[in-house]
C-alpha atoms as a PDB file:
ATOM      1  CA  MET A   1     126.630 -52.482 -11.649  1.00  0.00           C
ATOM      2  CA  PRO A   2     125.644 -50.324  -8.730  1.00  0.00           C
ATOM      3  CA  PRO A   3     122.441 -48.419  -9.541  1.00  0.00           C
ATOM      4  CA  SER A   4     123.718 -45.601  -7.348  1.00  0.00           C
ATOM      5  CA  HIS A   5     126.594 -45.068  -9.795  1.00  0.00           C
ATOM      6  CA  LEU A   6     124.144 -44.540 -12.658  1.00  0.00           C
ATOM      7  CA  LYS A   7     122.067 -42.133 -10.568  1.00  0.00           C
ATOM      8  CA  THR A   8     125.205 -40.233  -9.634  1.00  0.00           C
ATOM      9  CA  LEU A   9     126.295 -40.178 -13.277  1.00  0.00           C
ATOM     10  CA  ALA A  10     122.947 -38.782 -14.380  1.00  0.00           C
ATOM     11  CA  SER A  11     122.847 -36.134 -11.654  1.00  0.00           C
ATOM     12  CA  HIS A  12     126.489 -35.158 -12.269  1.00  0.00           C
ATOM     13  CA  ALA A  13     125.757 -34.817 -15.986  1.00  0.00           C
ATOM     14  CA  GLN A  14     122.724 -32.671 -15.283  1.00  0.00           C
ATOM     15  CA  VAL A  15     124.808 -30.255 -13.217  1.00  0.00           C
ATOM     16  CA  GLU A  16     128.051 -30.236 -15.223  1.00  0.00           C
ATOM     17  CA  LEU A  17     126.524 -30.184 -18.710  1.00  0.00           C
ATOM     18  CA  GLU A  18     123.862 -27.567 -17.931  1.00  0.00           C
ATOM     19  CA  PRO A  19     125.969 -24.660 -19.278  1.00  0.00           C
ATOM     20  CA  ILE A  20     126.090 -26.421 -22.652  1.00  0.00           C
ATOM     21  CA  ARG A  21     122.303 -26.271 -22.912  1.00  0.00           C
ATOM     22  CA  GLN A  22     122.459 -22.503 -22.693  1.00  0.00           C
ATOM     23  CA  ASN A  23     123.219 -20.556 -25.832  1.00  0.00           C
ATOM     24  CA  GLY A  24     126.222 -18.330 -26.154  1.00  0.00           C
ATOM     25  CA  LEU A  25     129.094 -20.742 -25.535  1.00  0.00           C
ATOM     26  CA  SER A  26     131.742 -21.124 -28.180  1.00  0.00           C
ATOM     27  CA  ARG A  27     132.743 -24.536 -29.500  1.00  0.00           C
ATOM     28  CA  GLU A  28     135.954 -24.313 -27.518  1.00  0.00           C
ATOM     29  CA  GLU A  29     134.091 -23.562 -24.287  1.00  0.00           C
ATOM     30  CA  ARG A  30     131.723 -26.493 -24.850  1.00  0.00           C
ATOM     31  CA  LEU A  31     134.669 -28.763 -25.610  1.00  0.00           C
ATOM     32  CA  VAL A  32     136.355 -27.837 -22.322  1.00  0.00           C
ATOM     33  CA  ILE A  33     133.170 -28.687 -20.406  1.00  0.00           C
ATOM     34  CA  TYR A  34     132.792 -32.049 -22.175  1.00  0.00           C
ATOM     35  CA  LYS A  35     136.444 -32.973 -21.652  1.00  0.00           C
ATOM     36  CA  LYS A  36     136.305 -32.135 -17.956  1.00  0.00           C
ATOM     37  CA  PHE A  37     133.112 -34.154 -17.515  1.00  0.00           C
ATOM     38  CA  LEU A  38     134.445 -37.169 -19.446  1.00  0.00           C
ATOM     39  CA  GLU A  39     137.776 -37.142 -17.608  1.00  0.00           C
ATOM     40  CA  PHE A  40     136.058 -37.139 -14.220  1.00  0.00           C
ATOM     41  CA  GLU A  41     133.558 -39.870 -15.125  1.00  0.00           C
ATOM     42  CA  GLU A  42     136.174 -42.065 -16.809  1.00  0.00           C
ATOM     43  CA  GLY A  43     138.135 -41.857 -13.561  1.00  0.00           C
ATOM     44  CA  ARG A  44     135.103 -43.067 -11.631  1.00  0.00           C
ATOM     45  CA  ILE A  45     134.638 -45.942 -14.077  1.00  0.00           C
ATOM     46  CA  ARG A  46     138.324 -46.816 -13.764  1.00  0.00           C
ATOM     47  CA  SER A  47     137.861 -46.929  -9.980  1.00  0.00           C
ATOM     48  CA  VAL A  48     135.017 -49.414 -10.370  1.00  0.00           C
ATOM     49  CA  HIS A  49     137.236 -51.575 -12.554  1.00  0.00           C
ATOM     50  CA  GLU A  50     140.181 -51.393 -10.158  1.00  0.00           C
ATOM     51  CA  ALA A  51     137.882 -52.280  -7.256  1.00  0.00           C
ATOM     52  CA  GLY A  52     137.038 -55.561  -8.985  1.00  0.00           C
ATOM     53  CA  GLY A  53     134.140 -54.572 -11.213  1.00  0.00           C
ATOM     54  CA  GLY A  54     133.633 -56.998 -14.066  1.00  0.00           C
ATOM     55  CA  GLY A  55     134.044 -56.249 -17.734  1.00  0.00           C
ATOM     56  CA  LEU A  56     130.302 -56.189 -18.366  1.00  0.00           C
ATOM     57  CA  GLU A  57     129.793 -53.742 -15.514  1.00  0.00           C
ATOM     58  CA  VAL A  58     132.550 -51.438 -16.746  1.00  0.00           C
ATOM     59  CA  ALA A  59     131.327 -51.618 -20.347  1.00  0.00           C
ATOM     60  CA  THR A  60     127.789 -50.812 -19.234  1.00  0.00           C
ATOM     61  CA  LEU A  61     128.965 -47.791 -17.265  1.00  0.00           C
ATOM     62  CA  ARG A  62     131.028 -46.538 -20.198  1.00  0.00           C
ATOM     63  CA  SER A  63     128.063 -47.064 -22.518  1.00  0.00           C
ATOM     64  CA  GLU A  64     125.804 -45.066 -20.189  1.00  0.00           C
ATOM     65  CA  LEU A  65     128.397 -42.308 -20.057  1.00  0.00           C
ATOM     66  CA  LEU A  66     128.591 -42.069 -23.833  1.00  0.00           C
ATOM     67  CA  ASP A  67     124.783 -42.181 -24.127  1.00  0.00           C
ATOM     68  CA  ILE A  68     124.503 -39.205 -21.789  1.00  0.00           C
ATOM     69  CA  VAL A  69     127.144 -37.232 -23.688  1.00  0.00           C
ATOM     70  CA  LEU A  70     125.573 -37.977 -27.065  1.00  0.00           C
ATOM     71  CA  GLN A  71     122.102 -37.050 -25.804  1.00  0.00           C
ATOM     72  CA  SER A  72     123.445 -33.680 -24.705  1.00  0.00           C
ATOM     73  CA  LEU A  73     124.767 -32.824 -28.164  1.00  0.00           C
END
């Protein structure tokens, strides 16, 4: 698994999920932000898989993605 992908994932999460950390968003607004973030990152993971990334690599990336989302809740 490319370490740069994990760094990019973490930095992307920091930027895209920042509005969720602020109070005042409705559940629906937070859901839209999460869905957009997950859709984009799942696409990046799919690209790794289609480029020949192994199952362990893809599973690790997906696990990291879910860890980041759950930590932001």
